[in-house]
Amino acid sequence: MGEETMNEVFEAVCDMADDAAYAQQTLAGASTERKNAVLLDVADALVGNAEAIGEANASDMRDAAASGMSEGLLDRLRFDAGRVAATAQGVRNVASLPDPVGEMVRGRNLPNGMRLNQVRVPIGVIGMIYEARPNVTVDVASLCLKSGNAVLLRGGHAARRTNEATLRVIGEVLADHGFGPSLVASVDRFGRDGALAMMEARGHVDLLVPRGGAGLIRAVVENSKVPVIETGAGNVHIYVDETADLDKALPVIINAKTQRVGVCNAAEKLLVNGAVAEDFLPVVANALTEHGVRIHADEAALTIIANAGIDGLDILPATEEDWSTEYLDYEMGIKVVDTMGEAIEHINTYSTGHTEAILSEDYSRIEEFTRRIDSAVVMVNASTRFTDGGMFGLGAELGISTQKMHARGPMGLEELTTTKWIGYGTGQVRP
């Protein structure tokens, strides 16, 4: 686009944000009961329109497959009737949660008789930039509505038809309840320039949240003039300790890697302590291959697996690039480590700070691992796939924050609020 056209897009997006801010004032003052009624009707309407949404998604899926989208990303794009129903249940779950707006965080009485309360309030207008994840459209809308925020969405070209169908349903419910459709709106018609305009719209958009691949997140963080909460790519590790229960470890690893490969909490790397590697690696390599996973193994792991003489393994030597790669596909890096300290050092070097797991039966080693690992979530003897707002009881999630500000890990309702101080006096003046 030329400069003039880009300016027009910027002005249009700012106007949308201002309309959203105006509508948000009404939402911010709405009762919990009114907001919950909207959410429950949204859930029912999504289920009632699941067929139409599914047809729109089927068209998006066909185009994406024809363009060569990977199997893992196609799975993330899929929004069929079953997933619509599951997402609608997530909306109901959000409706059932306590409303954070107005909650008192802390309070105190001053010596002069004044009362100070710090309370939760909505942030305002949230901008969300994400890729090929139709469920995010619903999750973000439900969380923002419950927490009193408006939201502008940039959902990407691949999911365009699906998002249009979904937002049409949400908009009709908002209108039925007396709210303007500007509360949940999309800038997708402007393409990538819509996303760029959101990044520039400081003073119109209050907070920007990117959710997608490392390239998208990096572009938003580096170029946005609007404050950003960074959601991270998931170069997720599992460490198998020398004290691990190997029978318990195997299904955890397989679940973490293969239950859904195109999501950020899927395991990408497996570190195995050398004390158990000779017995365990051939078993896990065979199981991963049976699930269609290509293995990228370091020299030690490659030697151990090769010596086991298992036929039909899909295995390659690992490169330095592998250790920092988020595959989002049926691929996994495997490394043998001599000590837990080596595993921790490797993880803290290459991790994106999302989720790591330890499989161990030694309490002191577990405590050391959880203390020293510098990631948003650490799992102990459990699949990394549990790092999810729904699984954490948040109803849904805006994303998984990997930064170290007020929001870290799955972001739910509380993370979509800020606070204000209210001072109650009886005529006090400062001496």
Protein backbone atom coordinates (compact mmCIF):
# COMPACT_ATOMS: atom_id res chain seq x y z
CA MET A 1 0.00 0.00 0.00
CA GLY A 2 1.06 3.57 -0.60
CA GLU A 3 1.62 6.01 2.23
CA GLU A 4 -1.73 7.74 1.73
CA THR A 5 -3.66 4.46 1.81
CA MET A 6 -1.78 3.34 4.91
CA ASN A 7 -2.71 6.62 6.56
CA GLU A 8 -6.34 5.94 5.70
CA VAL A 9 -6.10 2.49 7.27
CA PHE A 10 -4.50 3.97 10.38
CA GLU A 11 -7.28 6.54 10.72
CA ALA A 12 -9.95 3.87 10.19
CA VAL A 13 -8.43 1.58 12.83
CA CYS A 14 -8.13 4.48 15.29
CA ASP A 15 -11.79 5.32 14.65
CA MET A 16 -12.70 1.67 15.35
CA ALA A 17 -10.69 1.76 18.56
CA ASP A 18 -12.38 5.00 19.63
CA ASP A 19 -15.80 3.48 18.92
CA ALA A 20 -14.77 0.46 20.97
CA ALA A 21 -13.64 2.70 23.83
CA TYR A 22 -16.99 4.49 23.81
CA ALA A 23 -18.91 1.19 23.89
CA GLN A 24 -16.55 -0.10 26.58
CA GLN A 25 -17.69 2.63 28.97
CA THR A 26 -21.15 1.04 29.03
CA LEU A 27 -19.74 -2.45 29.40
CA ALA A 28 -17.43 -1.36 32.24
CA GLY A 29 -20.46 -0.31 34.24
CA ALA A 30 -22.53 -3.39 33.45
CA SER A 31 -23.46 -5.75 36.24
CA THR A 32 -21.96 -9.19 36.49
CA GLU A 33 -25.41 -10.66 35.85
CA ARG A 34 -25.79 -8.71 32.60
CA LYS A 35 -22.35 -9.73 31.35
CA ASN A 36 -22.98 -13.37 32.23
CA ALA A 37 -26.29 -13.29 30.37
CA VAL A 38 -24.47 -12.10 27.25
CA LEU A 39 -21.88 -14.87 27.56
CA LEU A 40 -24.45 -17.62 28.05
CA ASP A 41 -26.37 -16.43 24.99
CA VAL A 42 -23.13 -16.29 22.99
CA ALA A 43 -22.42 -19.91 23.95
CA ASP A 44 -25.93 -21.00 22.88
CA ALA A 45 -25.70 -19.03 19.64
CA LEU A 46 -22.34 -20.58 18.76
CA VAL A 47 -23.76 -24.07 19.19
CA GLY A 48 -26.87 -23.09 17.23
CA ASN A 49 -24.72 -21.80 14.37
CA ALA A 50 -22.05 -24.51 14.54
CA GLU A 51 -22.96 -25.86 11.12
CA ALA A 52 -22.56 -22.49 9.39
CA ILE A 53 -19.31 -21.79 11.26
CA GLY A 54 -18.07 -25.28 10.35
CA GLU A 55 -18.84 -24.71 6.65
CA ALA A 56 -16.89 -21.45 6.70
CA ASN A 57 -14.03 -23.23 8.42
CA ALA A 58 -14.07 -26.05 5.87
CA SER A 59 -13.49 -23.46 3.14
CA ASP A 60 -10.58 -21.97 5.09
CA MET A 61 -9.17 -25.45 5.66
CA ARG A 62 -9.31 -26.31 1.95
CA ASP A 63 -7.48 -23.13 0.99
CA ALA A 64 -4.88 -23.61 3.72
CA ALA A 65 -4.23 -27.23 2.73
CA ALA A 66 -3.87 -26.21 -0.93
CA SER A 67 -1.33 -23.56 0.07
CA GLY A 68 0.81 -26.21 1.80
CA MET A 69 0.04 -25.48 5.46
CA SER A 70 1.57 -28.13 7.71
CA GLU A 71 -0.53 -30.78 9.42
CA GLY A 72 0.10 -29.26 12.83
CA LEU A 73 -1.05 -25.80 11.76
CA LEU A 74 -4.05 -27.23 9.92
CA ASP A 75 -5.08 -28.90 13.17
CA ARG A 76 -4.84 -25.52 14.90
CA LEU A 77 -7.01 -23.95 12.17
CA ARG A 78 -9.72 -26.61 12.38
CA PHE A 79 -12.95 -25.33 13.97
CA ASP A 80 -15.53 -27.98 13.26
CA ALA A 81 -18.78 -28.55 15.15
CA GLY A 82 -17.04 -30.47 17.92
CA ARG A 83 -14.54 -27.72 18.54
CA VAL A 84 -17.25 -25.06 18.34
CA ALA A 85 -19.15 -26.92 21.06
CA ALA A 86 -16.03 -27.24 23.22
CA THR A 87 -15.28 -23.55 22.81
CA ALA A 88 -18.87 -22.67 23.67
CA GLN A 89 -18.47 -24.64 26.88
CA GLY A 90 -15.41 -22.53 27.60
CA VAL A 91 -17.61 -19.44 27.28
CA ARG A 92 -20.02 -20.92 29.82
CA ASN A 93 -17.08 -21.62 32.10
CA VAL A 94 -16.01 -17.98 31.88
CA ALA A 95 -19.55 -16.93 32.79
CA SER A 96 -19.39 -19.12 35.89
CA LEU A 97 -16.18 -17.53 37.20
CA PRO A 98 -16.06 -14.68 39.72
CA ASP A 99 -16.10 -11.23 38.15
CA PRO A 100 -12.76 -9.53 38.88
CA VAL A 101 -14.04 -6.02 38.17
CA GLY A 102 -14.48 -4.11 41.42
CA GLU A 103 -12.58 -6.67 43.48
CA MET A 104 -10.54 -5.01 46.21
CA VAL A 105 -6.87 -5.92 45.97
CA ARG A 106 -5.88 -4.18 49.19
CA GLY A 107 -7.02 -1.37 51.43
CA ARG A 108 -5.83 0.63 54.40
CA ASN A 109 -6.91 3.39 56.74
CA LEU A 110 -4.55 6.37 56.95
CA PRO A 111 -3.81 8.05 60.30
CA ASN A 112 -5.82 11.10 59.17
CA GLY A 113 -8.98 9.01 58.78
CA MET A 114 -8.91 8.58 55.01
CA ARG A 115 -9.72 5.14 53.59
CA LEU A 116 -7.71 3.92 50.57
CA ASN A 117 -8.90 1.00 48.44
CA GLN A 118 -7.10 -0.48 45.45
CA VAL A 119 -9.65 -2.15 43.16
CA ARG A 120 -9.58 -4.03 39.88
CA VAL A 121 -10.85 -2.22 36.77
CA PRO A 122 -10.90 -3.09 33.05
CA ILE A 123 -7.86 -2.15 30.96
CA GLY A 124 -10.01 -0.63 28.19
CA VAL A 125 -9.43 -1.50 24.52
CA ILE A 126 -7.41 -4.66 23.93
CA GLY A 127 -5.81 -5.35 20.55
CA MET A 128 -5.24 -9.01 19.67
CA ILE A 129 -3.07 -10.15 16.75
CA TYR A 130 -3.05 -13.90 16.12
CA GLU A 131 -2.75 -16.51 13.37
CA ALA A 132 -5.09 -19.24 12.16
CA ARG A 133 -6.64 -19.98 15.56
CA PRO A 134 -10.45 -19.54 15.31
CA ASN A 135 -11.02 -20.66 18.91
CA VAL A 136 -8.98 -17.65 20.04
CA THR A 137 -11.64 -15.37 18.55
CA VAL A 138 -14.21 -16.78 20.95
CA ASP A 139 -11.88 -17.18 23.93
CA VAL A 140 -10.67 -13.59 23.73
CA ALA A 141 -14.16 -12.19 23.19
CA SER A 142 -15.55 -14.04 26.21
CA LEU A 143 -12.70 -13.02 28.52
CA CYS A 144 -12.83 -9.39 27.41
CA LEU A 145 -16.60 -9.14 27.79
CA LYS A 146 -16.53 -10.66 31.29
CA SER A 147 -13.66 -8.39 32.38
CA GLY A 148 -15.32 -5.27 30.94
CA ASN A 149 -12.92 -4.72 28.01
CA ALA A 150 -13.50 -4.04 24.32
CA VAL A 151 -11.32 -5.88 21.81
CA LEU A 152 -10.05 -5.34 18.27
CA LEU A 153 -9.02 -8.56 16.54
CA ARG A 154 -6.61 -9.31 13.72
CA GLY A 155 -7.12 -13.02 13.15
CA GLY A 156 -5.19 -13.50 9.92
CA HIS A 157 -6.05 -14.41 6.35
CA ALA A 158 -6.06 -18.19 6.84
CA ALA A 159 -9.06 -18.09 9.21
CA ARG A 160 -10.87 -15.18 7.57
CA ARG A 161 -14.15 -16.91 6.74
CA THR A 162 -14.29 -18.72 10.08
CA ASN A 163 -13.69 -15.55 12.05
CA GLU A 164 -16.27 -13.62 10.03
CA ALA A 165 -18.91 -16.27 10.72
CA THR A 166 -18.03 -16.39 14.41
CA LEU A 167 -17.97 -12.62 14.89
CA ARG A 168 -21.32 -12.32 13.12
CA VAL A 169 -22.85 -14.61 15.75
CA ILE A 170 -21.23 -12.71 18.64
CA GLY A 171 -22.28 -9.36 17.18
CA GLU A 172 -25.92 -10.40 16.93
CA VAL A 173 -25.95 -11.45 20.58
CA LEU A 174 -24.35 -8.16 21.65
CA ALA A 175 -27.02 -6.23 19.74
CA ASP A 176 -29.79 -8.29 21.34
CA HIS A 177 -28.44 -7.23 24.76
CA GLY A 178 -28.15 -3.55 23.87
CA PHE A 179 -24.38 -3.45 23.29
CA GLY A 180 -22.72 -2.11 20.16
CA PRO A 181 -20.87 -4.50 17.82
CA SER A 182 -17.80 -2.28 18.19
CA LEU A 183 -17.12 -4.04 21.50
CA VAL A 184 -15.78 -7.06 19.58
CA ALA A 185 -14.59 -6.03 16.13
CA SER A 186 -12.09 -7.18 13.50
CA VAL A 187 -9.56 -5.26 11.42
CA ASP A 188 -9.03 -8.23 9.11
CA ARG A 189 -10.48 -6.39 6.11
CA PHE A 190 -7.39 -4.18 6.18
CA GLY A 191 -5.03 -7.16 5.97
CA ARG A 192 -1.55 -6.78 7.41
CA ASP A 193 -1.91 -3.02 7.37
CA GLY A 194 -4.65 -3.41 9.96
CA ALA A 195 -2.16 -5.10 12.28
CA LEU A 196 0.44 -2.39 11.61
CA ALA A 197 -2.13 0.28 12.36
CA MET A 198 -2.98 -1.38 15.68
CA MET A 199 0.71 -1.31 16.60
CA GLU A 200 0.81 2.42 15.87
CA ALA A 201 -2.46 3.29 17.62
CA ARG A 202 -1.03 4.43 20.95
CA GLY A 203 -3.65 6.42 22.80
CA HIS A 204 -6.45 4.54 21.03
CA VAL A 205 -5.56 0.92 21.83
CA ASP A 206 -4.57 0.40 25.46
CA LEU A 207 -2.84 -2.96 25.23
CA LEU A 208 -1.69 -5.23 22.41
CA VAL A 209 -1.33 -9.01 22.73
CA PRO A 210 0.31 -11.02 19.92
CA ARG A 211 -0.31 -14.76 19.82
CA GLY A 212 1.34 -16.94 17.21
CA GLY A 213 4.71 -17.94 15.89
CA ALA A 214 8.00 -16.47 17.01
CA GLY A 215 8.19 -14.20 13.95
CA LEU A 216 4.81 -12.61 14.59
CA ILE A 217 5.49 -12.07 18.27
CA ARG A 218 8.93 -10.59 17.60
CA ALA A 219 7.52 -8.21 14.96
CA VAL A 220 4.87 -6.89 17.34
CA VAL A 221 7.23 -6.54 20.31
CA GLU A 222 9.86 -4.71 18.25
CA ASN A 223 7.54 -2.41 16.28
CA SER A 224 4.57 -1.64 18.52
CA LYS A 225 4.13 1.80 20.05
CA VAL A 226 1.25 0.36 22.09
CA PRO A 227 2.17 -1.47 25.33
CA VAL A 228 2.54 -5.21 24.63
CA ILE A 229 2.09 -8.33 26.74
CA GLU A 230 4.35 -10.85 25.07
CA THR A 231 3.02 -14.36 24.59
CA GLY A 232 5.83 -16.70 23.75
CA ALA A 233 6.51 -19.40 21.28
CA GLY A 234 6.76 -22.79 22.94
CA ASN A 235 10.17 -24.43 22.73
CA VAL A 236 9.01 -26.77 25.50
CA HIS A 237 11.31 -29.28 27.26
CA ILE A 238 10.84 -32.47 29.25
CA TYR A 239 13.69 -33.68 31.45
CA VAL A 240 13.75 -37.37 32.44
CA ASP A 241 15.69 -37.62 35.68
CA GLU A 242 17.70 -40.66 36.76
CA THR A 243 15.07 -41.23 39.48
CA ALA A 244 12.11 -41.13 37.08
CA ASP A 245 9.51 -43.86 37.01
CA LEU A 246 10.09 -44.81 33.37
CA ASP A 247 6.77 -46.64 33.02
CA LYS A 248 5.03 -43.45 34.06
CA ALA A 249 7.32 -41.24 31.98
CA LEU A 250 6.61 -42.81 28.59
CA PRO A 251 2.88 -41.96 28.31
CA VAL A 252 3.55 -38.45 29.63
CA ILE A 253 6.11 -37.84 26.87
CA ILE A 254 3.90 -39.29 24.14
CA ASN A 255 0.94 -37.18 25.28
CA ALA A 256 3.01 -34.01 25.54
CA LYS A 257 4.41 -34.47 22.04
CA THR A 258 1.57 -36.00 20.02
CA GLN A 259 -1.81 -35.15 21.59
CA ARG A 260 -1.78 -31.95 19.49
CA VAL A 261 1.48 -31.04 17.79
CA GLY A 262 0.60 -27.57 16.49
CA VAL A 263 0.10 -25.89 19.86
CA CYS A 264 2.52 -23.91 21.97
CA ASN A 265 2.43 -26.28 24.97
CA ALA A 266 3.39 -29.37 22.97
CA ALA A 267 6.78 -30.76 23.99
CA GLU A 268 9.53 -30.10 21.46
CA LYS A 269 12.66 -31.36 23.27
CA LEU A 270 13.40 -34.37 25.45
CA LEU A 271 16.44 -34.41 27.75
CA VAL A 272 17.30 -37.79 29.27
CA ASN A 273 19.73 -38.37 32.12
CA GLY A 274 22.60 -40.60 31.04
CA ALA A 275 22.02 -42.99 33.95
CA VAL A 276 18.73 -44.17 32.38
CA ALA A 277 19.33 -43.28 28.72
CA GLU A 278 20.55 -46.72 27.60
CA ASP A 279 17.43 -48.44 28.88
CA PHE A 280 14.89 -45.73 28.17
CA LEU A 281 15.89 -44.08 24.89
CA PRO A 282 15.25 -47.08 22.61
CA VAL A 283 11.80 -47.49 24.18
CA VAL A 284 10.83 -43.85 23.78
CA ALA A 285 12.33 -43.62 20.28
CA ASN A 286 10.28 -46.61 19.16
CA ALA A 287 7.10 -45.18 20.72
CA LEU A 288 7.63 -41.76 19.12
CA THR A 289 8.21 -43.37 15.72
CA GLU A 290 5.01 -45.38 16.08
CA HIS A 291 3.21 -42.04 16.55
CA GLY A 292 4.80 -40.62 13.40
CA VAL A 293 7.40 -38.43 15.12
CA ARG A 294 10.74 -37.72 13.43
CA ILE A 295 13.58 -37.63 15.97
CA HIS A 296 16.50 -35.19 15.93
CA ALA A 297 19.06 -36.82 18.26
CA ASP A 298 22.38 -35.60 19.59
CA GLU A 299 25.43 -37.82 19.15
CA ALA A 300 25.03 -39.70 22.42
CA ALA A 301 21.31 -40.35 21.89
CA LEU A 302 21.91 -41.32 18.27
CA THR A 303 24.52 -43.89 19.31
CA ILE A 304 22.36 -45.43 22.04
CA ILE A 305 19.32 -45.70 19.77
CA ALA A 306 21.37 -47.09 16.85
CA ASN A 307 22.95 -49.75 19.09
CA ALA A 308 19.47 -50.94 20.07
CA GLY A 309 19.00 -52.16 16.49
CA ILE A 310 15.38 -51.04 16.13
CA ASP A 311 14.20 -51.05 12.51
CA GLY A 312 12.13 -48.33 10.88
CA LEU A 313 13.05 -45.39 13.10
CA ASP A 314 12.77 -41.92 11.58
CA ILE A 315 15.86 -40.33 13.12
CA LEU A 316 18.33 -37.62 12.14
CA PRO A 317 21.44 -36.11 13.77
CA ALA A 318 20.48 -32.97 15.69
CA THR A 319 22.00 -29.64 14.65
CA GLU A 320 22.58 -26.55 16.78
CA GLU A 321 19.54 -24.99 15.15
CA ASP A 322 17.33 -27.82 16.39
CA TRP A 323 17.77 -26.86 20.05
CA SER A 324 16.12 -23.46 19.51
CA THR A 325 13.44 -24.61 17.05
CA GLU A 326 9.73 -24.78 17.86
CA TYR A 327 8.69 -27.51 15.41
CA LEU A 328 4.88 -27.36 15.77
CA ASP A 329 4.91 -30.67 13.93
CA TYR A 330 5.65 -34.36 14.39
CA GLU A 331 9.31 -33.75 15.22
CA MET A 332 11.23 -33.85 18.50
CA GLY A 333 14.80 -33.16 19.58
CA ILE A 334 16.45 -35.60 22.00
CA LYS A 335 19.60 -35.00 24.03
CA VAL A 336 21.44 -37.05 26.65
CA VAL A 337 22.66 -35.09 29.69
CA ASP A 338 25.05 -36.23 32.39
CA THR A 339 23.41 -34.30 35.25
CA MET A 340 20.26 -32.43 36.11
CA GLY A 341 22.36 -29.27 36.30
CA GLU A 342 23.32 -29.75 32.65
CA ALA A 343 19.65 -30.20 31.76
CA ILE A 344 18.70 -27.00 33.61
CA GLU A 345 21.48 -25.04 31.91
CA HIS A 346 20.41 -26.32 28.48
CA ILE A 347 16.75 -25.50 29.11
CA ASN A 348 17.42 -21.99 30.41
CA THR A 349 19.67 -21.38 27.38
CA TYR A 350 17.29 -22.51 24.65
CA SER A 351 13.82 -22.28 26.19
CA THR A 352 11.33 -19.61 25.17
CA GLY A 353 10.21 -19.43 28.81
CA HIS A 354 6.87 -21.15 28.24
CA THR A 355 6.62 -24.58 29.94
CA GLU A 356 9.12 -27.19 31.08
CA ALA A 357 8.60 -30.51 32.83
CA ILE A 358 10.59 -32.82 35.07
CA LEU A 359 9.88 -36.53 35.43
CA SER A 360 11.40 -37.59 38.74
CA GLU A 361 10.62 -39.40 41.99
CA ASP A 362 13.13 -37.48 44.11
CA TYR A 363 11.55 -34.60 46.03
CA SER A 364 14.76 -32.63 46.54
CA ARG A 365 15.66 -32.84 42.86
CA ILE A 366 12.15 -31.79 41.88
CA GLU A 367 12.39 -28.79 44.19
CA GLU A 368 15.76 -27.78 42.74
CA PHE A 369 14.45 -28.08 39.18
CA THR A 370 11.32 -26.02 39.84
CA ARG A 371 13.35 -23.38 41.66
CA ARG A 372 16.04 -22.97 39.00
CA ILE A 373 14.02 -23.24 35.78
CA ASP A 374 13.20 -19.75 34.48
CA SER A 375 9.92 -20.40 32.67
CA ALA A 376 6.31 -19.34 33.21
CA VAL A 377 5.14 -22.88 34.04
CA VAL A 378 6.94 -25.94 35.39
CA MET A 379 5.19 -29.33 35.40
CA VAL A 380 6.19 -32.19 37.70
CA ASN A 381 5.40 -35.71 36.49
CA ALA A 382 2.68 -34.38 34.19
CA SER A 383 2.23 -33.51 30.53
CA THR A 384 3.12 -30.03 29.34
CA ARG A 385 -0.23 -29.98 27.53
CA PHE A 386 -1.84 -28.93 30.82
CA THR A 387 -0.50 -25.38 30.39
CA ASP A 388 -3.81 -23.98 29.27
CA GLY A 389 -6.30 -21.49 30.65
CA GLY A 390 -9.15 -23.99 30.55
CA MET A 391 -7.07 -26.68 32.27
CA PHE A 392 -5.96 -24.15 34.90
CA GLY A 393 -9.58 -23.30 35.74
CA LEU A 394 -9.50 -19.88 34.06
CA GLY A 395 -12.38 -20.74 31.71
CA ALA A 396 -10.32 -19.75 28.66
CA GLU A 397 -7.12 -17.85 28.02
CA LEU A 398 -5.93 -14.80 26.16
CA GLY A 399 -2.60 -16.55 25.66
CA ILE A 400 0.41 -17.81 27.61
CA SER A 401 2.51 -14.87 28.75
CA THR A 402 6.24 -15.54 28.84
CA GLN A 403 7.21 -12.10 30.08
CA LYS A 404 7.86 -11.20 33.70
CA MET A 405 5.40 -8.36 34.19
CA HIS A 406 2.10 -8.64 36.08
CA ALA A 407 0.86 -11.41 33.76
CA ARG A 408 2.89 -14.60 33.43
CA GLY A 409 1.62 -17.98 32.26
CA PRO A 410 -2.00 -18.49 31.11
CA MET A 411 -3.82 -15.15 31.07
CA GLY A 412 -7.41 -15.14 32.26
CA LEU A 413 -9.81 -12.59 33.68
CA GLU A 414 -7.58 -11.08 36.37
CA GLU A 415 -4.77 -10.54 33.85
CA LEU A 416 -7.20 -8.44 31.77
CA THR A 417 -7.65 -5.95 34.59
CA THR A 418 -5.52 -3.18 35.96
CA THR A 419 -6.15 -1.36 39.22
CA LYS A 420 -7.12 2.07 40.45
CA TRP A 421 -6.86 3.63 43.90
CA ILE A 422 -9.93 5.19 45.46
CA GLY A 423 -9.51 7.52 48.42
CA TYR A 424 -12.49 8.13 50.74
CA GLY A 425 -12.18 11.22 52.86
CA THR A 426 -14.28 13.50 55.02
CA GLY A 427 -12.69 16.81 54.07
CA GLN A 428 -9.02 16.08 54.81
CA VAL A 429 -6.37 18.41 53.39
CA ARG A 430 -2.67 17.71 53.12
CA PRO A 431 -0.62 19.65 55.67
